[in-house]
Each structure stands twice: as structure tokens, then as C-alpha cells.
Amino acid sequence: YRTARLAGAMSEFTIRTRKFKQNPLLGRKQFVLDIIHPGMANVSKKDLSEKLRSMYKVHDVQCIQLFGFKTAFGGGRSTGFGLIYENLDKMKKFEPKYRLKRAGLDAGKKGAGRRSKKDTKNRMKKVRGKEKSKAAASGGKK
């Protein structure tokens, strides 16, 4: 177990990590987080990651990924999962895209819109042969 206590003006909570594992193949540390937060609904992931940063001496707070939190019935206790990557490159390589988007690291690719794809498909139906390539190339032009 590794425990840390954070006391602020309004918030006081305790973090305990368990099932701590080093995962050298994926370049990360992984663990289960137990948070005790009496008198609070829950604790923000930003506060948690800042505290974990000081506990584990992480150089970049963006390398910390927290997810899967469940608050116990009656409140006051939460359990979740945490990952601390060695660097952002490893994180971008192994983390799922939706969690990268959540962390603000993956902009995602912006393709053609739904309507323009539909119009192109319908234009292709109306022509035959060589004209199909011309119809596809014209895109959204009418």
C-alpha cells in the first residue's frame, strides 16, 4: 500500500494504491486506487492526478491516466484504476483512442461529412463506366 493525504481549504481526501504492478512491456505502472473522501461527493481526476504526480515523482501530469471510478453506496469511498506511463509516446501507442481524446491528446482525423458521403454515393448510382470516376471526383460540386 502507498497512502497519501491531501488537505486543502475545502477538500480533504486520502489516496491508497493497491495491486501495484510495473508493466515494462507497455512502459507503465498500473494500480487500483482507493480514495477516502468523507463529506465530499467525489474527488476530481485533476486533483487525484496532481497528488499521484507528487507521490510517484512523475515529470508530466499528462502521463497519468485515471478511469473506471465507482463511488461506494453512501459515499465517502471510491475505487478506480490508474496508469502512469513512462512518456507520452508510450501512452499514445498503447492507450485506446477514446481515452486519449478524453485526455485531450488525440484530435482524431476529420474526414468528409456524412452528407457529402451520401451525396457522392447517390451520384455514383446514376452513372456508369468511366463517368463514375468523374462523378466521384466532383465531390460536393453540382
N, C-alpha and C. Protein backbone atom coordinates (compact mmCIF):
# COMPACT_ATOMS: atom_id res chain seq x y z
N TYR A 1 0.83 -1.19 0.00
CA TYR A 1 0.00 0.00 0.00
C TYR A 1 0.86 1.24 0.00
N ARG A 2 0.36 2.25 -0.66
CA ARG A 2 1.01 3.54 -0.61
C ARG A 2 -0.10 4.56 -0.36
N THR A 3 0.03 5.35 0.67
CA THR A 3 -1.04 6.24 1.08
C THR A 3 -0.55 7.67 1.06
N ALA A 4 -1.43 8.57 0.64
CA ALA A 4 -1.13 10.00 0.68
C ALA A 4 -2.38 10.72 1.14
N ARG A 5 -2.19 11.80 1.84
CA ARG A 5 -3.33 12.56 2.34
C ARG A 5 -3.20 13.98 1.81
N LEU A 6 -4.27 14.50 1.27
CA LEU A 6 -4.27 15.86 0.75
C LEU A 6 -5.29 16.66 1.53
N ALA A 7 -4.87 17.75 2.10
CA ALA A 7 -5.79 18.61 2.85
C ALA A 7 -5.74 19.99 2.23
N GLY A 8 -6.89 20.49 1.85
CA GLY A 8 -6.98 21.81 1.26
C GLY A 8 -7.96 22.65 2.04
N ALA A 9 -8.33 23.78 1.48
CA ALA A 9 -9.27 24.67 2.15
C ALA A 9 -10.63 23.98 2.34
N MET A 10 -11.12 23.32 1.28
CA MET A 10 -12.43 22.69 1.37
C MET A 10 -12.37 21.18 1.24
N SER A 11 -11.31 20.66 0.64
CA SER A 11 -11.29 19.24 0.33
C SER A 11 -10.20 18.52 1.12
N GLU A 12 -10.57 17.36 1.63
CA GLU A 12 -9.60 16.51 2.30
C GLU A 12 -9.90 15.08 1.88
N PHE A 13 -8.89 14.43 1.32
CA PHE A 13 -9.08 13.05 0.90
C PHE A 13 -7.79 12.27 1.04
N THR A 14 -7.93 10.96 1.11
CA THR A 14 -6.79 10.07 1.26
C THR A 14 -6.75 9.14 0.06
N ILE A 15 -5.56 8.96 -0.51
CA ILE A 15 -5.39 8.06 -1.65
C ILE A 15 -4.58 6.86 -1.19
N ARG A 16 -5.06 5.68 -1.55
CA ARG A 16 -4.30 4.45 -1.27
C ARG A 16 -4.22 3.67 -2.57
N THR A 17 -3.03 3.21 -2.92
CA THR A 17 -2.87 2.39 -4.12
C THR A 17 -2.66 0.94 -3.69
N ARG A 18 -3.27 0.04 -4.43
CA ARG A 18 -3.07 -1.39 -4.18
C ARG A 18 -2.99 -2.11 -5.52
N LYS A 19 -2.58 -3.37 -5.48
CA LYS A 19 -2.36 -4.17 -6.70
C LYS A 19 -1.43 -3.43 -7.66
N PHE A 20 -0.39 -2.84 -7.10
CA PHE A 20 0.55 -2.06 -7.90
C PHE A 20 1.43 -2.99 -8.72
N LYS A 21 1.54 -2.73 -10.03
CA LYS A 21 2.37 -3.54 -10.92
C LYS A 21 3.20 -2.64 -11.82
N GLN A 22 4.43 -3.05 -12.05
CA GLN A 22 5.26 -2.43 -13.08
C GLN A 22 5.00 -3.23 -14.35
N ASN A 23 4.70 -2.56 -15.44
CA ASN A 23 4.49 -3.26 -16.70
C ASN A 23 5.52 -2.74 -17.71
N PRO A 24 6.71 -3.34 -17.75
CA PRO A 24 7.77 -2.81 -18.61
C PRO A 24 7.48 -2.98 -20.10
N LEU A 25 6.68 -3.97 -20.48
CA LEU A 25 6.37 -4.15 -21.90
C LEU A 25 5.55 -2.99 -22.44
N LEU A 26 4.63 -2.49 -21.64
CA LEU A 26 3.82 -1.35 -22.06
C LEU A 26 4.37 -0.03 -21.54
N GLY A 27 5.45 -0.09 -20.77
CA GLY A 27 6.09 1.14 -20.28
C GLY A 27 5.22 1.91 -19.32
N ARG A 28 4.63 1.20 -18.35
CA ARG A 28 3.74 1.89 -17.43
C ARG A 28 3.70 1.19 -16.07
N LYS A 29 3.18 1.94 -15.10
CA LYS A 29 2.85 1.40 -13.79
C LYS A 29 1.33 1.36 -13.74
N GLN A 30 0.77 0.30 -13.20
CA GLN A 30 -0.69 0.20 -13.14
C GLN A 30 -1.10 -0.21 -11.73
N PHE A 31 -2.24 0.29 -11.29
CA PHE A 31 -2.65 0.07 -9.91
C PHE A 31 -4.14 0.36 -9.75
N VAL A 32 -4.67 -0.12 -8.64
CA VAL A 32 -6.04 0.19 -8.23
C VAL A 32 -5.95 1.29 -7.19
N LEU A 33 -6.81 2.29 -7.33
CA LEU A 33 -6.83 3.43 -6.41
C LEU A 33 -8.02 3.31 -5.48
N ASP A 34 -7.79 3.47 -4.19
CA ASP A 34 -8.87 3.60 -3.22
C ASP A 34 -8.79 5.02 -2.67
N ILE A 35 -9.89 5.75 -2.77
CA ILE A 35 -9.93 7.12 -2.30
C ILE A 35 -10.95 7.21 -1.17
N ILE A 36 -10.53 7.78 -0.07
CA ILE A 36 -11.44 8.02 1.04
C ILE A 36 -11.67 9.52 1.08
N HIS A 37 -12.92 9.93 0.87
CA HIS A 37 -13.25 11.35 0.80
C HIS A 37 -14.51 11.64 1.61
N PRO A 38 -14.40 11.65 2.94
CA PRO A 38 -15.59 11.89 3.77
C PRO A 38 -16.12 13.31 3.59
N GLY A 39 -17.43 13.42 3.49
CA GLY A 39 -18.06 14.72 3.36
C GLY A 39 -18.02 15.31 1.97
N MET A 40 -17.48 14.57 1.00
CA MET A 40 -17.43 15.04 -0.39
C MET A 40 -18.14 14.04 -1.28
N ALA A 41 -18.76 14.52 -2.34
CA ALA A 41 -19.43 13.62 -3.28
C ALA A 41 -18.40 12.74 -3.99
N ASN A 42 -17.39 13.36 -4.54
CA ASN A 42 -16.28 12.64 -5.16
C ASN A 42 -15.10 13.60 -5.29
N VAL A 43 -14.01 13.10 -5.82
CA VAL A 43 -12.79 13.89 -5.98
C VAL A 43 -12.50 14.00 -7.47
N SER A 44 -12.11 15.18 -7.94
CA SER A 44 -11.85 15.35 -9.37
C SER A 44 -10.58 14.60 -9.77
N LYS A 45 -10.58 14.13 -11.02
CA LYS A 45 -9.42 13.40 -11.54
C LYS A 45 -8.19 14.31 -11.60
N LYS A 46 -8.43 15.60 -11.78
CA LYS A 46 -7.32 16.55 -11.82
C LYS A 46 -6.60 16.59 -10.47
N ASP A 47 -7.38 16.66 -9.37
CA ASP A 47 -6.78 16.66 -8.04
C ASP A 47 -6.05 15.35 -7.77
N LEU A 48 -6.67 14.24 -8.19
CA LEU A 48 -6.05 12.93 -7.98
C LEU A 48 -4.73 12.81 -8.74
N SER A 49 -4.73 13.25 -10.01
CA SER A 49 -3.51 13.11 -10.80
C SER A 49 -2.40 14.02 -10.27
N GLU A 50 -2.76 15.19 -9.76
CA GLU A 50 -1.74 16.07 -9.16
C GLU A 50 -1.11 15.41 -7.93
N LYS A 51 -1.95 14.77 -7.12
CA LYS A 51 -1.44 14.10 -5.93
C LYS A 51 -0.58 12.89 -6.30
N LEU A 52 -1.02 12.12 -7.30
CA LEU A 52 -0.24 10.97 -7.76
C LEU A 52 1.09 11.42 -8.36
N ARG A 53 1.07 12.57 -9.00
CA ARG A 53 2.30 13.11 -9.59
C ARG A 53 3.36 13.34 -8.51
N SER A 54 2.94 13.89 -7.38
CA SER A 54 3.90 14.12 -6.30
C SER A 54 4.27 12.82 -5.58
N MET A 55 3.32 11.88 -5.47
CA MET A 55 3.60 10.61 -4.81
C MET A 55 4.63 9.79 -5.56
N TYR A 56 4.47 9.71 -6.89
CA TYR A 56 5.32 8.85 -7.71
C TYR A 56 6.38 9.61 -8.51
N LYS A 57 6.50 10.91 -8.26
CA LYS A 57 7.52 11.75 -8.91
C LYS A 57 7.45 11.64 -10.43
N VAL A 58 6.27 11.90 -10.97
CA VAL A 58 6.04 11.86 -12.41
C VAL A 58 6.37 13.24 -12.99
N HIS A 59 7.12 13.28 -14.09
CA HIS A 59 7.54 14.56 -14.68
C HIS A 59 6.40 15.28 -15.38
N ASP A 60 5.48 14.55 -16.00
CA ASP A 60 4.39 15.17 -16.76
C ASP A 60 3.06 14.61 -16.28
N VAL A 61 2.17 15.48 -15.87
CA VAL A 61 0.87 15.04 -15.34
C VAL A 61 0.01 14.40 -16.43
N GLN A 62 0.31 14.67 -17.70
CA GLN A 62 -0.46 14.07 -18.80
C GLN A 62 -0.16 12.58 -18.97
N CYS A 63 0.93 12.11 -18.38
CA CYS A 63 1.28 10.69 -18.46
C CYS A 63 0.45 9.84 -17.49
N ILE A 64 -0.36 10.49 -16.67
CA ILE A 64 -1.20 9.78 -15.71
C ILE A 64 -2.61 9.65 -16.29
N GLN A 65 -3.11 8.43 -16.31
CA GLN A 65 -4.45 8.15 -16.86
C GLN A 65 -5.29 7.49 -15.75
N LEU A 66 -6.39 8.12 -15.39
CA LEU A 66 -7.29 7.60 -14.35
C LEU A 66 -8.65 7.33 -14.96
N PHE A 67 -9.25 6.18 -14.62
CA PHE A 67 -10.55 5.84 -15.19
C PHE A 67 -11.24 4.78 -14.36
N GLY A 68 -12.50 4.54 -14.64
CA GLY A 68 -13.26 3.45 -14.04
C GLY A 68 -13.60 3.64 -12.58
N PHE A 69 -13.90 4.86 -12.18
CA PHE A 69 -14.19 5.11 -10.77
C PHE A 69 -15.63 4.76 -10.41
N LYS A 70 -15.77 4.10 -9.29
CA LYS A 70 -17.09 3.78 -8.73
C LYS A 70 -17.11 4.31 -7.30
N THR A 71 -18.15 5.05 -6.96
CA THR A 71 -18.31 5.53 -5.60
C THR A 71 -19.15 4.53 -4.82
N ALA A 72 -18.69 4.18 -3.64
CA ALA A 72 -19.39 3.21 -2.80
C ALA A 72 -20.73 3.78 -2.36
N PHE A 73 -21.68 2.89 -2.14
CA PHE A 73 -23.01 3.32 -1.69
C PHE A 73 -22.87 4.05 -0.36
N GLY A 74 -23.49 5.20 -0.28
CA GLY A 74 -23.37 6.02 0.93
C GLY A 74 -22.28 7.07 0.80
N GLY A 75 -21.46 6.98 -0.23
CA GLY A 75 -20.42 7.98 -0.48
C GLY A 75 -19.24 7.84 0.47
N GLY A 76 -18.29 8.71 0.30
CA GLY A 76 -17.14 8.72 1.18
C GLY A 76 -15.98 7.84 0.74
N ARG A 77 -16.24 6.88 -0.13
CA ARG A 77 -15.18 5.99 -0.63
C ARG A 77 -15.37 5.75 -2.11
N SER A 78 -14.29 5.78 -2.85
CA SER A 78 -14.33 5.49 -4.29
C SER A 78 -13.18 4.57 -4.63
N THR A 79 -13.38 3.79 -5.69
CA THR A 79 -12.34 2.89 -6.18
C THR A 79 -12.25 3.07 -7.69
N GLY A 80 -11.04 3.11 -8.21
CA GLY A 80 -10.83 3.25 -9.64
C GLY A 80 -9.50 2.64 -10.05
N PHE A 81 -9.14 2.90 -11.29
CA PHE A 81 -7.93 2.32 -11.86
C PHE A 81 -7.03 3.44 -12.35
N GLY A 82 -5.72 3.25 -12.22
CA GLY A 82 -4.78 4.27 -12.65
C GLY A 82 -3.61 3.68 -13.41
N LEU A 83 -3.12 4.46 -14.38
CA LEU A 83 -1.94 4.08 -15.16
C LEU A 83 -0.99 5.28 -15.17
N ILE A 84 0.29 5.01 -14.98
CA ILE A 84 1.30 6.05 -15.11
C ILE A 84 2.28 5.58 -16.18
N TYR A 85 2.29 6.27 -17.32
CA TYR A 85 3.18 5.91 -18.43
C TYR A 85 4.53 6.59 -18.26
N GLU A 86 5.57 5.95 -18.83
CA GLU A 86 6.93 6.50 -18.77
C GLU A 86 7.03 7.79 -19.56
N ASN A 87 6.36 7.84 -20.72
CA ASN A 87 6.36 9.05 -21.53
C ASN A 87 5.09 9.09 -22.38
N LEU A 88 4.86 10.23 -23.02
CA LEU A 88 3.64 10.41 -23.82
C LEU A 88 3.61 9.52 -25.05
N ASP A 89 4.78 9.21 -25.61
CA ASP A 89 4.82 8.35 -26.80
C ASP A 89 4.25 6.96 -26.49
N LYS A 90 4.65 6.41 -25.35
CA LYS A 90 4.13 5.09 -24.96
C LYS A 90 2.63 5.17 -24.71
N MET A 91 2.21 6.27 -24.11
CA MET A 91 0.78 6.44 -23.83
C MET A 91 -0.02 6.50 -25.12
N LYS A 92 0.47 7.26 -26.09
CA LYS A 92 -0.24 7.37 -27.37
C LYS A 92 -0.23 6.06 -28.14
N LYS A 93 0.79 5.24 -27.90
CA LYS A 93 0.89 3.97 -28.60
C LYS A 93 -0.08 2.93 -28.05
N PHE A 94 -0.25 2.89 -26.72
CA PHE A 94 -0.99 1.79 -26.11
C PHE A 94 -2.38 2.15 -25.59
N GLU A 95 -2.66 3.40 -25.33
CA GLU A 95 -3.98 3.77 -24.80
C GLU A 95 -5.03 3.76 -25.90
N PRO A 96 -6.27 3.39 -25.57
CA PRO A 96 -7.34 3.46 -26.57
C PRO A 96 -7.62 4.91 -26.98
N LYS A 97 -8.10 5.07 -28.19
CA LYS A 97 -8.31 6.41 -28.75
C LYS A 97 -9.28 7.24 -27.91
N TYR A 98 -10.33 6.60 -27.40
CA TYR A 98 -11.33 7.38 -26.66
C TYR A 98 -10.74 7.96 -25.37
N ARG A 99 -9.80 7.24 -24.76
CA ARG A 99 -9.18 7.79 -23.54
C ARG A 99 -8.17 8.88 -23.88
N LEU A 100 -7.53 8.78 -25.05
CA LEU A 100 -6.63 9.85 -25.49
C LEU A 100 -7.43 11.12 -25.78
N LYS A 101 -8.60 10.96 -26.41
CA LYS A 101 -9.46 12.11 -26.67
C LYS A 101 -9.92 12.74 -25.37
N ARG A 102 -10.26 11.90 -24.41
CA ARG A 102 -10.71 12.37 -23.10
C ARG A 102 -9.61 13.19 -22.42
N ALA A 103 -8.37 12.79 -22.61
CA ALA A 103 -7.23 13.50 -22.01
C ALA A 103 -6.80 14.70 -22.86
N GLY A 104 -7.38 14.85 -24.06
CA GLY A 104 -7.04 15.98 -24.92
C GLY A 104 -5.77 15.77 -25.72
N LEU A 105 -5.38 14.51 -25.94
CA LEU A 105 -4.14 14.23 -26.65
C LEU A 105 -4.36 13.79 -28.09
N ASP A 106 -5.57 13.39 -28.45
CA ASP A 106 -5.83 12.90 -29.81
C ASP A 106 -6.95 13.73 -30.43
N ALA A 107 -6.61 14.48 -31.47
CA ALA A 107 -7.62 15.30 -32.13
C ALA A 107 -8.53 14.45 -33.01
N GLY A 108 -8.02 13.31 -33.45
CA GLY A 108 -8.81 12.46 -34.35
C GLY A 108 -8.75 13.00 -35.76
N LYS A 109 -9.03 12.11 -36.71
CA LYS A 109 -8.98 12.58 -38.09
C LYS A 109 -10.35 13.11 -38.49
N LYS A 110 -10.33 14.16 -39.26
CA LYS A 110 -11.56 14.79 -39.70
C LYS A 110 -11.73 14.45 -41.17
N GLY A 111 -12.72 13.64 -41.47
CA GLY A 111 -12.96 13.23 -42.85
C GLY A 111 -14.12 13.99 -43.44
N ALA A 112 -14.60 13.48 -44.58
CA ALA A 112 -15.75 14.09 -45.22
C ALA A 112 -16.97 13.89 -44.32
N GLY A 113 -17.87 14.82 -44.39
CA GLY A 113 -19.07 14.74 -43.56
C GLY A 113 -20.03 13.66 -44.06
N ARG A 114 -20.96 13.32 -43.21
CA ARG A 114 -21.93 12.27 -43.52
C ARG A 114 -22.73 12.62 -44.77
N ARG A 115 -23.16 13.87 -44.87
CA ARG A 115 -24.00 14.27 -46.00
C ARG A 115 -23.23 14.20 -47.33
N SER A 116 -21.97 14.65 -47.34
CA SER A 116 -21.22 14.63 -48.60
C SER A 116 -20.92 13.20 -49.05
N LYS A 117 -20.69 12.28 -48.10
CA LYS A 117 -20.51 10.87 -48.47
C LYS A 117 -21.77 10.32 -49.10
N LYS A 118 -22.89 10.68 -48.53
CA LYS A 118 -24.18 10.19 -49.03
C LYS A 118 -24.44 10.74 -50.44
N ASP A 119 -24.18 12.03 -50.65
CA ASP A 119 -24.39 12.62 -51.97
C ASP A 119 -23.50 11.98 -53.03
N THR A 120 -22.23 11.73 -52.67
CA THR A 120 -21.31 11.08 -53.60
C THR A 120 -21.79 9.69 -53.97
N LYS A 121 -22.24 8.94 -52.99
CA LYS A 121 -22.74 7.58 -53.22
C LYS A 121 -23.94 7.61 -54.17
N ASN A 122 -24.85 8.54 -53.95
CA ASN A 122 -26.04 8.61 -54.80
C ASN A 122 -25.72 9.08 -56.21
N ARG A 123 -24.71 9.96 -56.34
CA ARG A 123 -24.28 10.41 -57.67
C ARG A 123 -23.66 9.25 -58.44
N MET A 124 -22.93 8.39 -57.71
CA MET A 124 -22.28 7.24 -58.35
C MET A 124 -23.32 6.26 -58.91
N LYS A 125 -24.47 6.17 -58.30
CA LYS A 125 -25.51 5.24 -58.75
C LYS A 125 -26.07 5.65 -60.11
N LYS A 126 -26.04 6.95 -60.41
CA LYS A 126 -26.71 7.46 -61.61
C LYS A 126 -25.87 7.31 -62.87
N VAL A 127 -24.56 7.08 -62.73
CA VAL A 127 -23.69 7.00 -63.91
C VAL A 127 -23.08 5.61 -64.02
N ARG A 128 -22.58 5.32 -65.24
CA ARG A 128 -21.97 4.01 -65.49
C ARG A 128 -20.61 4.19 -66.14
N GLY A 129 -19.74 3.19 -65.97
CA GLY A 129 -18.46 3.16 -66.67
C GLY A 129 -17.48 4.22 -66.21
N LYS A 130 -16.83 4.86 -67.23
CA LYS A 130 -15.78 5.83 -66.94
C LYS A 130 -16.31 7.06 -66.21
N GLU A 131 -17.57 7.36 -66.42
CA GLU A 131 -18.15 8.55 -65.80
C GLU A 131 -18.19 8.43 -64.27
N LYS A 132 -18.14 7.19 -63.76
CA LYS A 132 -18.19 7.01 -62.30
C LYS A 132 -17.01 7.70 -61.62
N SER A 133 -15.82 7.59 -62.22
CA SER A 133 -14.66 8.22 -61.61
C SER A 133 -14.80 9.74 -61.63
N LYS A 134 -15.40 10.27 -62.71
CA LYS A 134 -15.62 11.72 -62.79
C LYS A 134 -16.64 12.16 -61.74
N ALA A 135 -17.69 11.36 -61.55
CA ALA A 135 -18.73 11.70 -60.57
C ALA A 135 -18.16 11.69 -59.15
N ALA A 136 -17.28 10.72 -58.88
CA ALA A 136 -16.67 10.63 -57.55
C ALA A 136 -15.72 11.80 -57.32
N ALA A 137 -14.99 12.20 -58.38
CA ALA A 137 -14.02 13.28 -58.26
C ALA A 137 -14.69 14.63 -58.07
N SER A 138 -15.90 14.78 -58.61
CA SER A 138 -16.57 16.08 -58.49
C SER A 138 -16.95 16.39 -57.04
N GLY A 139 -17.03 15.35 -56.18
CA GLY A 139 -17.28 15.57 -54.75
C GLY A 139 -18.59 16.26 -54.50
N GLY A 140 -18.55 17.36 -53.74
CA GLY A 140 -19.77 18.07 -53.37
C GLY A 140 -20.23 19.07 -54.40
N LYS A 141 -19.54 19.19 -55.55
CA LYS A 141 -19.93 20.17 -56.58
C LYS A 141 -21.13 19.67 -57.36
N LYS A 142 -22.01 20.57 -57.72
CA LYS A 142 -23.19 20.20 -58.51
C LYS A 142 -23.16 20.85 -59.87
